Amino acid sequence: MYIIYHNPRCSKSRKTLAILNENNMDVKIIEYLKNPPSTKQLESISSMLKMGPLDFMRKNEPEFKELGLDRHVKAGWELCEIMSNNPKLIERPIVIKGDKAIIGRPPENVIKLF
């Protein structure tokens, strides 16, 4: 089973989901703006991505500057908590298979999980 943290308004997210569907993968879709992952889930995703939380934050979102994330260093769990409370900051799409995850930018990255 693949899990995709999906934003249907994002072209990269739609394309990544299309690749999964075209390859007949069993997919659980989580619209993360409606159902944001918890702090613990984001910490786990960070580990699966092999990235720090700041590395999969959308730095061009207004919330990034409004929350002072461009000026203040935060611990990983704090960044995960901020993303959980402000899901627009989560890079998209994130696809998980087992204990591995990728960011679908470009969407073809998802093929690495096949």
C-alpha atoms as a PDB file:
ATOM      1  CA  MET A   1       0.000   0.000   0.000  1.00  0.00           C
ATOM      2  CA  TYR A   2       1.228   3.460  -0.943  1.00  0.00           C
ATOM      3  CA  ILE A   3       0.228   6.524   1.040  1.00  0.00           C
ATOM      4  CA  ILE A   4       0.160   9.901  -0.685  1.00  0.00           C
ATOM      5  CA  TYR A   5      -0.118  13.171   1.177  1.00  0.00           C
ATOM      6  CA  HIS A   6      -2.028  14.871  -1.581  1.00  0.00           C
ATOM      7  CA  ASN A   7      -3.258  18.323  -2.517  1.00  0.00           C
ATOM      8  CA  PRO A   8      -5.736  17.979  -5.410  1.00  0.00           C
ATOM      9  CA  ARG A   9      -5.113  21.608  -6.407  1.00  0.00           C
ATOM     10  CA  CYS A  10      -1.393  20.947  -7.006  1.00  0.00           C
ATOM     11  CA  SER A  11      -0.388  19.796 -10.496  1.00  0.00           C
ATOM     12  CA  LYS A  12       2.671  17.889  -9.191  1.00  0.00           C
ATOM     13  CA  SER A  13       0.501  16.085  -6.662  1.00  0.00           C
ATOM     14  CA  ARG A  14      -2.106  15.200  -9.304  1.00  0.00           C
ATOM     15  CA  LYS A  15       0.610  13.935 -11.683  1.00  0.00           C
ATOM     16  CA  THR A  16       2.249  11.836  -8.948  1.00  0.00           C
ATOM     17  CA  LEU A  17      -1.116  10.284  -8.089  1.00  0.00           C
ATOM     18  CA  ALA A  18      -1.721   9.616 -11.798  1.00  0.00           C
ATOM     19  CA  ILE A  19       1.598   7.731 -12.051  1.00  0.00           C
ATOM     20  CA  LEU A  20       0.610   5.571  -9.080  1.00  0.00           C
ATOM     21  CA  ASN A  21      -2.813   4.892 -10.594  1.00  0.00           C
ATOM     22  CA  GLU A  22      -1.387   4.188 -14.075  1.00  0.00           C
ATOM     23  CA  ASN A  23       0.807   1.526 -12.488  1.00  0.00           C
ATOM     24  CA  ASN A  24      -2.173  -0.017 -10.645  1.00  0.00           C
ATOM     25  CA  MET A  25      -0.719   0.693  -7.225  1.00  0.00           C
ATOM     26  CA  ASP A  26      -2.944   0.378  -4.165  1.00  0.00           C
ATOM     27  CA  VAL A  27      -3.045   3.973  -2.871  1.00  0.00           C
ATOM     28  CA  LYS A  28      -4.379   5.559   0.276  1.00  0.00           C
ATOM     29  CA  ILE A  29      -4.937   9.258  -0.387  1.00  0.00           C
ATOM     30  CA  ILE A  30      -4.624  11.685   2.496  1.00  0.00           C
ATOM     31  CA  GLU A  31      -5.658  15.234   1.697  1.00  0.00           C
ATOM     32  CA  TYR A  32      -3.228  16.697   4.187  1.00  0.00           C
ATOM     33  CA  LEU A  33      -4.750  20.187   4.151  1.00  0.00           C
ATOM     34  CA  LYS A  34      -7.995  18.677   5.492  1.00  0.00           C
ATOM     35  CA  ASN A  35      -6.344  15.984   7.636  1.00  0.00           C
ATOM     36  CA  PRO A  36      -2.849  17.151   8.585  1.00  0.00           C
ATOM     37  CA  PRO A  37      -0.353  14.609   9.867  1.00  0.00           C
ATOM     38  CA  SER A  38       0.486  14.784  13.558  1.00  0.00           C
ATOM     39  CA  THR A  39       3.815  15.983  14.897  1.00  0.00           C
ATOM     40  CA  LYS A  40       4.835  12.345  15.475  1.00  0.00           C
ATOM     41  CA  GLN A  41       3.804  11.360  11.931  1.00  0.00           C
ATOM     42  CA  LEU A  42       5.856  14.234  10.508  1.00  0.00           C
ATOM     43  CA  GLU A  43       8.858  13.189  12.588  1.00  0.00           C
ATOM     44  CA  SER A  44       8.490   9.684  11.130  1.00  0.00           C
ATOM     45  CA  ILE A  45       8.118  11.091   7.598  1.00  0.00           C
ATOM     46  CA  SER A  46      11.260  13.172   8.158  1.00  0.00           C
ATOM     47  CA  SER A  47      13.148   9.996   9.040  1.00  0.00           C
ATOM     48  CA  MET A  48      11.745   8.098   6.026  1.00  0.00           C
ATOM     49  CA  LEU A  49      12.663  10.966   3.703  1.00  0.00           C
ATOM     50  CA  LYS A  50      16.136  11.124   5.279  1.00  0.00           C
ATOM     51  CA  MET A  51      15.641  14.902   5.518  1.00  0.00           C
ATOM     52  CA  GLY A  52      15.324  17.354   8.334  1.00  0.00           C
ATOM     53  CA  PRO A  53      11.865  18.914   8.679  1.00  0.00           C
ATOM     54  CA  LEU A  54      13.078  22.247   7.317  1.00  0.00           C
ATOM     55  CA  ASP A  55      14.098  20.444   4.113  1.00  0.00           C
ATOM     56  CA  PHE A  56      10.495  19.532   3.281  1.00  0.00           C
ATOM     57  CA  MET A  57       8.891  22.822   4.238  1.00  0.00           C
ATOM     58  CA  ARG A  58       7.470  25.181   1.639  1.00  0.00           C
ATOM     59  CA  LYS A  59       9.598  28.241   2.276  1.00  0.00           C
ATOM     60  CA  ASN A  60       7.706  30.475  -0.172  1.00  0.00           C
ATOM     61  CA  GLU A  61       4.420  30.225   1.722  1.00  0.00           C
ATOM     62  CA  PRO A  62       3.496  33.447   3.568  1.00  0.00           C
ATOM     63  CA  GLU A  63       3.204  31.463   6.821  1.00  0.00           C
ATOM     64  CA  PHE A  64       6.902  30.631   6.659  1.00  0.00           C
ATOM     65  CA  LYS A  65       7.883  34.276   7.118  1.00  0.00           C
ATOM     66  CA  GLU A  66       4.888  35.142   9.312  1.00  0.00           C
ATOM     67  CA  LEU A  67       5.978  32.482  11.801  1.00  0.00           C
ATOM     68  CA  GLY A  68       9.564  33.748  11.732  1.00  0.00           C
ATOM     69  CA  LEU A  69      10.904  30.488  10.342  1.00  0.00           C
ATOM     70  CA  ASP A  70      13.261  32.446   8.112  1.00  0.00           C
ATOM     71  CA  ARG A  71      14.893  34.020  11.181  1.00  0.00           C
ATOM     72  CA  HIS A  72      14.802  31.542  14.045  1.00  0.00           C
ATOM     73  CA  VAL A  73      16.346  28.128  14.386  1.00  0.00           C
ATOM     74  CA  LYS A  74      13.895  25.550  15.716  1.00  0.00           C
ATOM     75  CA  ALA A  75      14.307  21.959  16.850  1.00  0.00           C
ATOM     76  CA  GLY A  76      13.052  19.246  14.514  1.00  0.00           C
ATOM     77  CA  TRP A  77      10.032  18.402  16.664  1.00  0.00           C
ATOM     78  CA  GLU A  78       9.103  22.102  16.816  1.00  0.00           C
ATOM     79  CA  LEU A  79       9.176  22.335  13.020  1.00  0.00           C
ATOM     80  CA  CYS A  80       7.043  19.198  12.763  1.00  0.00           C
ATOM     81  CA  GLU A  81       4.565  20.682  15.226  1.00  0.00           C
ATOM     82  CA  ILE A  82       4.461  23.914  13.209  1.00  0.00           C
ATOM     83  CA  MET A  83       3.829  21.955   9.989  1.00  0.00           C
ATOM     84  CA  SER A  84       1.099  19.914  11.655  1.00  0.00           C
ATOM     85  CA  ASN A  85      -0.605  23.136  12.737  1.00  0.00           C
ATOM     86  CA  ASN A  86       0.066  24.864   9.385  1.00  0.00           C
ATOM     87  CA  PRO A  87      -0.153  22.095   6.764  1.00  0.00           C
ATOM     88  CA  LYS A  88       0.289  24.542   3.874  1.00  0.00           C
ATOM     89  CA  LEU A  89       3.962  24.496   4.877  1.00  0.00           C
ATOM     90  CA  ILE A  90       4.340  20.787   4.041  1.00  0.00           C
ATOM     91  CA  GLU A  91       6.002  20.128   0.690  1.00  0.00           C
ATOM     92  CA  ARG A  92       3.825  18.101  -1.631  1.00  0.00           C
ATOM     93  CA  PRO A  93       3.238  15.454  -2.554  1.00  0.00           C
ATOM     94  CA  ILE A  94       4.852  13.046  -0.137  1.00  0.00           C
ATOM     95  CA  VAL A  95       4.507   9.357  -1.002  1.00  0.00           C
ATOM     96  CA  ILE A  96       5.239   6.589   1.487  1.00  0.00           C
ATOM     97  CA  LYS A  97       5.772   2.901   0.838  1.00  0.00           C
ATOM     98  CA  GLY A  98       6.705   0.860   3.879  1.00  0.00           C
ATOM     99  CA  ASP A  99       9.575   2.611   5.620  1.00  0.00           C
ATOM    100  CA  LYS A 100      10.571   4.749   2.626  1.00  0.00           C
ATOM    101  CA  ALA A 101       9.233   8.059   1.403  1.00  0.00           C
ATOM    102  CA  ILE A 102       9.855  10.482  -1.429  1.00  0.00           C
ATOM    103  CA  ILE A 103       8.687  13.920  -2.453  1.00  0.00           C
ATOM    104  CA  GLY A 104       7.007  13.864  -5.854  1.00  0.00           C
ATOM    105  CA  ARG A 105       8.983  16.745  -7.310  1.00  0.00           C
ATOM    106  CA  PRO A 106       9.325  15.858 -10.081  1.00  0.00           C
ATOM    107  CA  PRO A 107       6.364  13.459 -10.048  1.00  0.00           C
ATOM    108  CA  GLU A 108       8.524  10.725 -11.620  1.00  0.00           C
ATOM    109  CA  ASN A 109      10.402  10.455  -8.319  1.00  0.00           C
ATOM    110  CA  VAL A 110       7.607   8.146  -7.167  1.00  0.00           C
ATOM    111  CA  ILE A 111       8.967   5.440  -9.472  1.00  0.00           C
ATOM    112  CA  LYS A 112      11.900   5.045  -7.049  1.00  0.00           C
ATOM    113  CA  LEU A 113       9.451   3.419  -4.616  1.00  0.00           C
ATOM    114  CA  PHE A 114       8.273   0.755  -7.127  1.00  0.00           C
END
